[in-house]
Structure formats: structure tokens, C-alpha cells
Amino acid sequence: MADLDLTSEPSPEELAVIADGLTVFNEGEVGASERLPLAVLIRDEEGRTIGGLSGYTSWGWLFTQLLFIPEVLRGQAMAARLLDRAEGEARRRGCHGAWIDTFNPVALAAYKRQGYEVFGELPGFVGGRTRTFLKKPL
């Protein structure tokens, strides 16, 4: 019998056991993920990172995990520029689709303008907002 240990402070090594085990299992089921990080950084005049997009490509998909635009750059189509750059790199890597999620209504509108379509929702996710999952063919 195995013991269960609930913790809010797992070590990096413990998390690696879980991630590595799942990776091996999934590769046996559907093949290698070829997961590669991807970031598009917004830099200021001094070269400091002030925002951007981060995610990865895997199994032919671009997944945008985080997208942050500093307030001074909002309303200037920066999300479109970030997504265009990431999607271009994803195509170069052989990806056929992209997906992203958000619970921000402004971001949702921006992603829809970029050609993403809703494929799922989680109503009442937080603060009365719906978490929306979107996808786009590349």
C-alpha cells in the first residue's frame, strides 16, 4: 500500500518525478511531445523586459500560458503583435493550432479579434467571471 502525503511545499525533485512519469506515459500513448518553450518579450528603451507572452509548443499546438501588457501599452494592438509573433514561430515549428484561456473580458475580445474561437467555458470561475478557452487553426 502506498502512503499519501499532502504538501503545499513539494520539492523540485518531487515535482520532477510527477512530470517525468507523465511524460514517459504520454509518449508511450501518443508519441513524443517535442515540447519547446516560447516567449515573445516586450522590452523598454533600456532593454528591460516589461511584459510579453510565454508558453510552449507541443504535439503540434501553441499554448499561450501567460500574456501581460503593461498599462502604458494597452489599447495599441500589442496583444495582436505578440500573438502574431508567437503564432509565426509556432507555424515554423510545424504547429497546426493554438489555444489560450482567459477570465478577462478585454483579453477575450482581443483573442476573438485575432481569430480565436471559444471551445469551452467555466462559468463563475472567479469574481463572477467566466474562464474561457479558445483555439485557432494555424
N, C-alpha and C. Protein backbone atom coordinates (compact mmCIF):
# COMPACT_ATOMS: atom_id res chain seq x y z
N MET A 1 0.84 -1.18 0.00
CA MET A 1 0.00 0.00 0.00
C MET A 1 0.88 1.24 0.00
N ALA A 2 0.51 2.23 -0.77
CA ALA A 2 1.27 3.47 -0.85
C ALA A 2 0.70 4.50 0.11
N ASP A 3 1.57 5.34 0.66
CA ASP A 3 1.15 6.43 1.54
C ASP A 3 0.92 7.68 0.72
N LEU A 4 -0.04 8.49 1.13
CA LEU A 4 -0.30 9.79 0.51
C LEU A 4 0.20 10.87 1.44
N ASP A 5 0.91 11.85 0.88
CA ASP A 5 1.48 12.94 1.66
C ASP A 5 1.06 14.25 1.01
N LEU A 6 0.12 14.97 1.63
CA LEU A 6 -0.35 16.25 1.13
C LEU A 6 0.62 17.33 1.57
N THR A 7 1.09 18.15 0.61
CA THR A 7 2.03 19.21 0.96
C THR A 7 1.77 20.44 0.09
N SER A 8 2.04 21.60 0.66
CA SER A 8 1.99 22.84 -0.12
C SER A 8 3.40 23.27 -0.51
N GLU A 9 4.38 22.45 -0.16
CA GLU A 9 5.78 22.77 -0.47
C GLU A 9 6.52 21.58 -1.07
N PRO A 10 6.06 21.08 -2.23
CA PRO A 10 6.79 19.99 -2.85
C PRO A 10 8.15 20.47 -3.34
N SER A 11 9.13 19.60 -3.29
CA SER A 11 10.46 19.97 -3.77
C SER A 11 10.47 19.91 -5.30
N PRO A 12 11.41 20.60 -5.91
CA PRO A 12 11.54 20.50 -7.37
C PRO A 12 11.75 19.04 -7.82
N GLU A 13 12.47 18.28 -7.04
CA GLU A 13 12.71 16.88 -7.37
C GLU A 13 11.41 16.07 -7.33
N GLU A 14 10.57 16.34 -6.33
CA GLU A 14 9.29 15.63 -6.23
C GLU A 14 8.38 15.96 -7.40
N LEU A 15 8.35 17.23 -7.78
CA LEU A 15 7.55 17.63 -8.93
C LEU A 15 8.09 17.02 -10.21
N ALA A 16 9.41 16.89 -10.30
CA ALA A 16 10.03 16.29 -11.48
C ALA A 16 9.62 14.82 -11.63
N VAL A 17 9.48 14.10 -10.51
CA VAL A 17 9.05 12.71 -10.57
C VAL A 17 7.68 12.62 -11.24
N ILE A 18 6.77 13.51 -10.86
CA ILE A 18 5.42 13.53 -11.43
C ILE A 18 5.48 13.89 -12.91
N ALA A 19 6.16 14.97 -13.23
CA ALA A 19 6.24 15.43 -14.63
C ALA A 19 6.94 14.41 -15.51
N ASP A 20 8.03 13.87 -15.03
CA ASP A 20 8.78 12.89 -15.84
C ASP A 20 7.97 11.62 -16.05
N GLY A 21 7.29 11.17 -15.00
CA GLY A 21 6.45 9.98 -15.13
C GLY A 21 5.33 10.17 -16.13
N LEU A 22 4.66 11.32 -16.07
CA LEU A 22 3.58 11.60 -17.01
C LEU A 22 4.13 11.72 -18.43
N THR A 23 5.29 12.34 -18.57
CA THR A 23 5.89 12.48 -19.90
C THR A 23 6.15 11.11 -20.52
N VAL A 24 6.75 10.22 -19.75
CA VAL A 24 7.03 8.87 -20.26
C VAL A 24 5.74 8.15 -20.62
N PHE A 25 4.72 8.25 -19.75
CA PHE A 25 3.44 7.62 -20.03
C PHE A 25 2.83 8.15 -21.32
N ASN A 26 2.74 9.49 -21.43
CA ASN A 26 2.13 10.10 -22.61
C ASN A 26 2.88 9.77 -23.89
N GLU A 27 4.21 9.77 -23.82
CA GLU A 27 4.99 9.43 -25.01
C GLU A 27 4.71 8.01 -25.45
N GLY A 28 4.49 7.11 -24.51
CA GLY A 28 4.13 5.74 -24.85
C GLY A 28 2.76 5.64 -25.50
N GLU A 29 1.87 6.56 -25.15
CA GLU A 29 0.50 6.56 -25.68
C GLU A 29 0.39 7.25 -27.04
N VAL A 30 1.02 8.44 -27.17
CA VAL A 30 0.81 9.25 -28.38
C VAL A 30 2.08 9.76 -29.04
N GLY A 31 3.23 9.40 -28.52
CA GLY A 31 4.49 9.85 -29.11
C GLY A 31 5.05 11.06 -28.39
N ALA A 32 6.26 11.39 -28.77
CA ALA A 32 6.98 12.49 -28.12
C ALA A 32 6.28 13.82 -28.32
N SER A 33 6.25 14.62 -27.27
CA SER A 33 5.56 15.92 -27.34
C SER A 33 6.39 16.97 -28.05
N GLU A 34 7.71 16.80 -28.04
CA GLU A 34 8.62 17.80 -28.60
C GLU A 34 8.33 19.18 -28.03
N ARG A 35 8.05 19.23 -26.74
CA ARG A 35 7.70 20.48 -26.05
C ARG A 35 8.90 21.42 -26.03
N LEU A 36 8.64 22.65 -26.52
CA LEU A 36 9.66 23.70 -26.53
C LEU A 36 9.08 24.99 -25.97
N PRO A 37 9.79 25.64 -25.06
CA PRO A 37 9.31 26.93 -24.56
C PRO A 37 9.27 27.96 -25.69
N LEU A 38 8.41 28.94 -25.53
CA LEU A 38 8.29 30.03 -26.49
C LEU A 38 7.95 31.29 -25.71
N ALA A 39 8.66 32.36 -25.96
CA ALA A 39 8.36 33.64 -25.33
C ALA A 39 8.56 34.76 -26.34
N VAL A 40 7.70 35.75 -26.26
CA VAL A 40 7.84 36.99 -27.02
C VAL A 40 7.86 38.09 -25.98
N LEU A 41 9.01 38.75 -25.85
CA LEU A 41 9.21 39.71 -24.77
C LEU A 41 9.02 41.14 -25.26
N ILE A 42 8.40 41.95 -24.43
CA ILE A 42 8.31 43.39 -24.67
C ILE A 42 9.42 44.03 -23.83
N ARG A 43 10.26 44.78 -24.49
CA ARG A 43 11.38 45.43 -23.78
C ARG A 43 11.24 46.94 -23.86
N ASP A 44 11.69 47.60 -22.79
CA ASP A 44 11.67 49.06 -22.78
C ASP A 44 12.94 49.59 -23.45
N GLU A 45 13.11 50.91 -23.43
CA GLU A 45 14.25 51.55 -24.11
C GLU A 45 15.59 51.10 -23.55
N GLU A 46 15.61 50.67 -22.28
CA GLU A 46 16.86 50.20 -21.66
C GLU A 46 17.07 48.70 -21.84
N GLY A 47 16.14 48.05 -22.54
CA GLY A 47 16.27 46.62 -22.78
C GLY A 47 15.70 45.73 -21.69
N ARG A 48 15.04 46.33 -20.71
CA ARG A 48 14.42 45.54 -19.63
C ARG A 48 13.11 44.95 -20.11
N THR A 49 12.83 43.73 -19.72
CA THR A 49 11.56 43.09 -20.04
C THR A 49 10.47 43.72 -19.19
N ILE A 50 9.42 44.21 -19.86
CA ILE A 50 8.31 44.85 -19.14
C ILE A 50 6.97 44.14 -19.37
N GLY A 51 6.98 43.11 -20.18
CA GLY A 51 5.77 42.35 -20.46
C GLY A 51 6.06 41.34 -21.55
N GLY A 52 4.98 40.72 -22.03
CA GLY A 52 5.15 39.79 -23.13
C GLY A 52 4.23 38.59 -23.03
N LEU A 53 4.62 37.56 -23.75
CA LEU A 53 3.86 36.33 -23.87
C LEU A 53 4.80 35.18 -23.57
N SER A 54 4.30 34.20 -22.81
CA SER A 54 5.09 32.99 -22.61
C SER A 54 4.18 31.78 -22.74
N GLY A 55 4.76 30.73 -23.24
CA GLY A 55 4.03 29.48 -23.44
C GLY A 55 4.97 28.43 -23.97
N TYR A 56 4.41 27.54 -24.77
CA TYR A 56 5.22 26.48 -25.34
C TYR A 56 4.50 25.89 -26.55
N THR A 57 5.26 25.15 -27.35
CA THR A 57 4.68 24.35 -28.41
C THR A 57 4.85 22.89 -28.04
N SER A 58 3.84 22.11 -28.39
CA SER A 58 3.85 20.69 -28.05
C SER A 58 2.78 19.97 -28.86
N TRP A 59 3.11 18.77 -29.36
CA TRP A 59 2.16 17.94 -30.12
C TRP A 59 1.45 18.74 -31.21
N GLY A 60 2.15 19.67 -31.84
CA GLY A 60 1.58 20.43 -32.94
C GLY A 60 0.71 21.61 -32.53
N TRP A 61 0.77 21.98 -31.24
CA TRP A 61 -0.04 23.09 -30.74
C TRP A 61 0.82 24.14 -30.08
N LEU A 62 0.42 25.39 -30.24
CA LEU A 62 0.96 26.51 -29.45
C LEU A 62 0.01 26.71 -28.28
N PHE A 63 0.55 26.69 -27.06
CA PHE A 63 -0.26 27.02 -25.89
C PHE A 63 0.32 28.27 -25.26
N THR A 64 -0.45 29.35 -25.24
CA THR A 64 -0.05 30.58 -24.57
C THR A 64 -0.50 30.47 -23.13
N GLN A 65 0.48 30.42 -22.21
CA GLN A 65 0.19 30.31 -20.79
C GLN A 65 -0.05 31.67 -20.16
N LEU A 66 0.79 32.63 -20.49
CA LEU A 66 0.72 33.97 -19.89
C LEU A 66 0.88 35.03 -20.96
N LEU A 67 0.11 36.09 -20.85
CA LEU A 67 0.25 37.24 -21.73
C LEU A 67 -0.02 38.47 -20.89
N PHE A 68 0.99 39.34 -20.78
CA PHE A 68 0.86 40.56 -19.98
C PHE A 68 1.36 41.74 -20.78
N ILE A 69 0.52 42.78 -20.82
CA ILE A 69 0.86 44.03 -21.49
C ILE A 69 0.83 45.14 -20.45
N PRO A 70 1.94 45.87 -20.29
CA PRO A 70 1.94 46.98 -19.34
C PRO A 70 0.86 48.01 -19.71
N GLU A 71 0.32 48.65 -18.70
CA GLU A 71 -0.79 49.58 -18.92
C GLU A 71 -0.48 50.65 -19.96
N VAL A 72 0.75 51.16 -19.99
CA VAL A 72 1.10 52.22 -20.93
C VAL A 72 1.04 51.76 -22.39
N LEU A 73 1.03 50.45 -22.63
CA LEU A 73 1.00 49.93 -24.00
C LEU A 73 -0.35 49.33 -24.38
N ARG A 74 -1.29 49.33 -23.46
CA ARG A 74 -2.61 48.75 -23.75
C ARG A 74 -3.37 49.63 -24.73
N GLY A 75 -4.23 49.00 -25.52
CA GLY A 75 -5.02 49.75 -26.50
C GLY A 75 -4.26 50.08 -27.75
N GLN A 76 -3.09 49.46 -27.95
CA GLN A 76 -2.25 49.73 -29.12
C GLN A 76 -2.02 48.47 -29.96
N ALA A 77 -2.93 47.51 -29.87
CA ALA A 77 -2.86 46.25 -30.62
C ALA A 77 -1.62 45.42 -30.25
N MET A 78 -1.12 45.61 -29.04
CA MET A 78 0.06 44.86 -28.61
C MET A 78 -0.23 43.36 -28.49
N ALA A 79 -1.44 42.99 -28.03
CA ALA A 79 -1.78 41.57 -27.93
C ALA A 79 -1.72 40.93 -29.32
N ALA A 80 -2.23 41.62 -30.31
CA ALA A 80 -2.20 41.10 -31.68
C ALA A 80 -0.76 40.92 -32.15
N ARG A 81 0.09 41.87 -31.84
CA ARG A 81 1.50 41.77 -32.24
C ARG A 81 2.19 40.60 -31.55
N LEU A 82 1.94 40.43 -30.26
CA LEU A 82 2.54 39.32 -29.52
C LEU A 82 2.06 37.98 -30.08
N LEU A 83 0.74 37.86 -30.26
CA LEU A 83 0.19 36.61 -30.78
C LEU A 83 0.66 36.33 -32.20
N ASP A 84 0.72 37.35 -33.05
CA ASP A 84 1.22 37.17 -34.41
C ASP A 84 2.63 36.59 -34.40
N ARG A 85 3.47 37.15 -33.55
CA ARG A 85 4.87 36.69 -33.49
C ARG A 85 4.94 35.25 -32.98
N ALA A 86 4.19 34.94 -31.92
CA ALA A 86 4.19 33.59 -31.37
C ALA A 86 3.61 32.59 -32.37
N GLU A 87 2.51 32.96 -33.02
CA GLU A 87 1.88 32.07 -33.99
C GLU A 87 2.81 31.81 -35.18
N GLY A 88 3.54 32.84 -35.61
CA GLY A 88 4.50 32.66 -36.70
C GLY A 88 5.58 31.65 -36.33
N GLU A 89 6.10 31.77 -35.12
CA GLU A 89 7.11 30.82 -34.66
C GLU A 89 6.52 29.42 -34.53
N ALA A 90 5.27 29.33 -34.04
CA ALA A 90 4.62 28.03 -33.91
C ALA A 90 4.45 27.38 -35.28
N ARG A 91 4.08 28.16 -36.28
CA ARG A 91 3.97 27.61 -37.64
C ARG A 91 5.33 27.11 -38.12
N ARG A 92 6.36 27.89 -37.86
CA ARG A 92 7.72 27.49 -38.24
C ARG A 92 8.10 26.17 -37.58
N ARG A 93 7.59 25.94 -36.37
CA ARG A 93 7.86 24.69 -35.65
C ARG A 93 6.93 23.56 -36.08
N GLY A 94 6.05 23.83 -37.02
CA GLY A 94 5.17 22.79 -37.54
C GLY A 94 3.83 22.66 -36.84
N CYS A 95 3.45 23.65 -36.05
CA CYS A 95 2.18 23.58 -35.33
C CYS A 95 1.00 23.81 -36.27
N HIS A 96 -0.10 23.16 -35.97
CA HIS A 96 -1.33 23.29 -36.76
C HIS A 96 -2.42 24.05 -36.02
N GLY A 97 -2.23 24.35 -34.73
CA GLY A 97 -3.25 25.06 -33.97
C GLY A 97 -2.66 25.77 -32.77
N ALA A 98 -3.47 26.65 -32.19
CA ALA A 98 -3.08 27.40 -31.00
C ALA A 98 -4.26 27.43 -30.04
N TRP A 99 -3.95 27.49 -28.74
CA TRP A 99 -5.03 27.65 -27.76
C TRP A 99 -4.56 28.52 -26.61
N ILE A 100 -5.53 29.12 -25.97
CA ILE A 100 -5.29 30.09 -24.91
C ILE A 100 -6.54 30.13 -24.04
N ASP A 101 -6.40 30.56 -22.80
CA ASP A 101 -7.58 30.75 -21.96
C ASP A 101 -7.46 32.04 -21.18
N THR A 102 -8.61 32.57 -20.75
CA THR A 102 -8.64 33.83 -20.03
C THR A 102 -9.93 33.95 -19.23
N PHE A 103 -9.88 34.78 -18.18
CA PHE A 103 -11.13 35.16 -17.50
C PHE A 103 -11.28 36.68 -17.53
N ASN A 104 -10.49 37.33 -18.38
CA ASN A 104 -10.53 38.77 -18.56
C ASN A 104 -11.34 39.11 -19.81
N PRO A 105 -12.46 39.85 -19.66
CA PRO A 105 -13.29 40.15 -20.84
C PRO A 105 -12.59 40.98 -21.91
N VAL A 106 -11.66 41.83 -21.52
CA VAL A 106 -10.92 42.63 -22.51
C VAL A 106 -10.00 41.71 -23.32
N ALA A 107 -9.30 40.81 -22.63
CA ALA A 107 -8.44 39.86 -23.32
C ALA A 107 -9.26 38.94 -24.23
N LEU A 108 -10.43 38.52 -23.75
CA LEU A 108 -11.29 37.65 -24.55
C LEU A 108 -11.63 38.32 -25.88
N ALA A 109 -11.99 39.59 -25.83
CA ALA A 109 -12.32 40.32 -27.05
C ALA A 109 -11.10 40.41 -27.98
N ALA A 110 -9.93 40.65 -27.39
CA ALA A 110 -8.70 40.74 -28.20
C ALA A 110 -8.40 39.41 -28.88
N TYR A 111 -8.56 38.31 -28.18
CA TYR A 111 -8.27 37.00 -28.75
C TYR A 111 -9.27 36.67 -29.87
N LYS A 112 -10.52 37.03 -29.67
CA LYS A 112 -11.51 36.81 -30.72
C LYS A 112 -11.17 37.63 -31.96
N ARG A 113 -10.73 38.87 -31.77
CA ARG A 113 -10.32 39.70 -32.92
C ARG A 113 -9.14 39.06 -33.65
N GLN A 114 -8.33 38.32 -32.94
CA GLN A 114 -7.15 37.67 -33.50
C GLN A 114 -7.52 36.36 -34.21
N GLY A 115 -8.80 35.99 -34.20
CA GLY A 115 -9.24 34.80 -34.90
C GLY A 115 -9.44 33.57 -34.04
N TYR A 116 -9.32 33.72 -32.72
CA TYR A 116 -9.55 32.59 -31.82
C TYR A 116 -11.05 32.40 -31.63
N GLU A 117 -11.47 31.16 -31.48
CA GLU A 117 -12.89 30.85 -31.25
C GLU A 117 -13.03 30.06 -29.96
N VAL A 118 -14.12 30.30 -29.27
CA VAL A 118 -14.39 29.65 -27.98
C VAL A 118 -14.68 28.17 -28.19
N PHE A 119 -14.03 27.32 -27.36
CA PHE A 119 -14.37 25.90 -27.38
C PHE A 119 -14.78 25.38 -26.01
N GLY A 120 -14.73 26.25 -25.00
CA GLY A 120 -15.19 25.83 -23.68
C GLY A 120 -15.24 26.99 -22.71
N GLU A 121 -16.07 26.82 -21.69
CA GLU A 121 -16.22 27.86 -20.67
C GLU A 121 -16.37 27.22 -19.30
N LEU A 122 -15.89 27.95 -18.30
CA LEU A 122 -16.05 27.56 -16.91
C LEU A 122 -16.71 28.76 -16.21
N PRO A 123 -18.06 28.80 -16.19
CA PRO A 123 -18.77 29.94 -15.59
C PRO A 123 -18.46 30.06 -14.09
N GLY A 124 -18.50 31.29 -13.60
CA GLY A 124 -18.28 31.55 -12.18
C GLY A 124 -16.90 31.16 -11.70
N PHE A 125 -15.90 31.26 -12.57
CA PHE A 125 -14.54 30.86 -12.23
C PHE A 125 -13.99 31.64 -11.04
N VAL A 126 -14.04 32.96 -11.15
CA VAL A 126 -13.59 33.81 -10.05
C VAL A 126 -14.24 35.19 -10.19
N GLY A 127 -14.66 35.76 -9.09
CA GLY A 127 -15.23 37.11 -9.11
C GLY A 127 -16.39 37.26 -10.07
N GLY A 128 -17.16 36.21 -10.25
CA GLY A 128 -18.30 36.27 -11.17
C GLY A 128 -17.91 36.19 -12.63
N ARG A 129 -16.64 35.97 -12.91
CA ARG A 129 -16.19 35.90 -14.30
C ARG A 129 -16.13 34.47 -14.79
N THR A 130 -16.28 34.33 -16.09
CA THR A 130 -16.18 33.03 -16.76
C THR A 130 -14.78 32.87 -17.30
N ARG A 131 -14.20 31.70 -17.06
CA ARG A 131 -12.93 31.38 -17.69
C ARG A 131 -13.26 30.77 -19.04
N THR A 132 -12.68 31.34 -20.10
CA THR A 132 -12.99 30.95 -21.47
C THR A 132 -11.77 30.33 -22.12
N PHE A 133 -11.97 29.22 -22.82
CA PHE A 133 -10.92 28.51 -23.53
C PHE A 133 -11.14 28.71 -25.01
N LEU A 134 -10.07 29.13 -25.71
CA LEU A 134 -10.17 29.46 -27.13
C LEU A 134 -9.11 28.72 -27.93
N LYS A 135 -9.41 28.50 -29.21
CA LYS A 135 -8.48 27.83 -30.11
C LYS A 135 -8.47 28.54 -31.46
N LYS A 136 -7.42 28.26 -32.22
CA LYS A 136 -7.29 28.87 -33.54
C LYS A 136 -6.49 27.93 -34.42
N PRO A 137 -6.96 27.66 -35.64
CA PRO A 137 -6.12 26.90 -36.56
C PRO A 137 -4.97 27.77 -37.06
N LEU A 138 -3.82 27.17 -37.24
CA LEU A 138 -2.67 27.95 -37.74
C LEU A 138 -2.38 27.62 -39.18
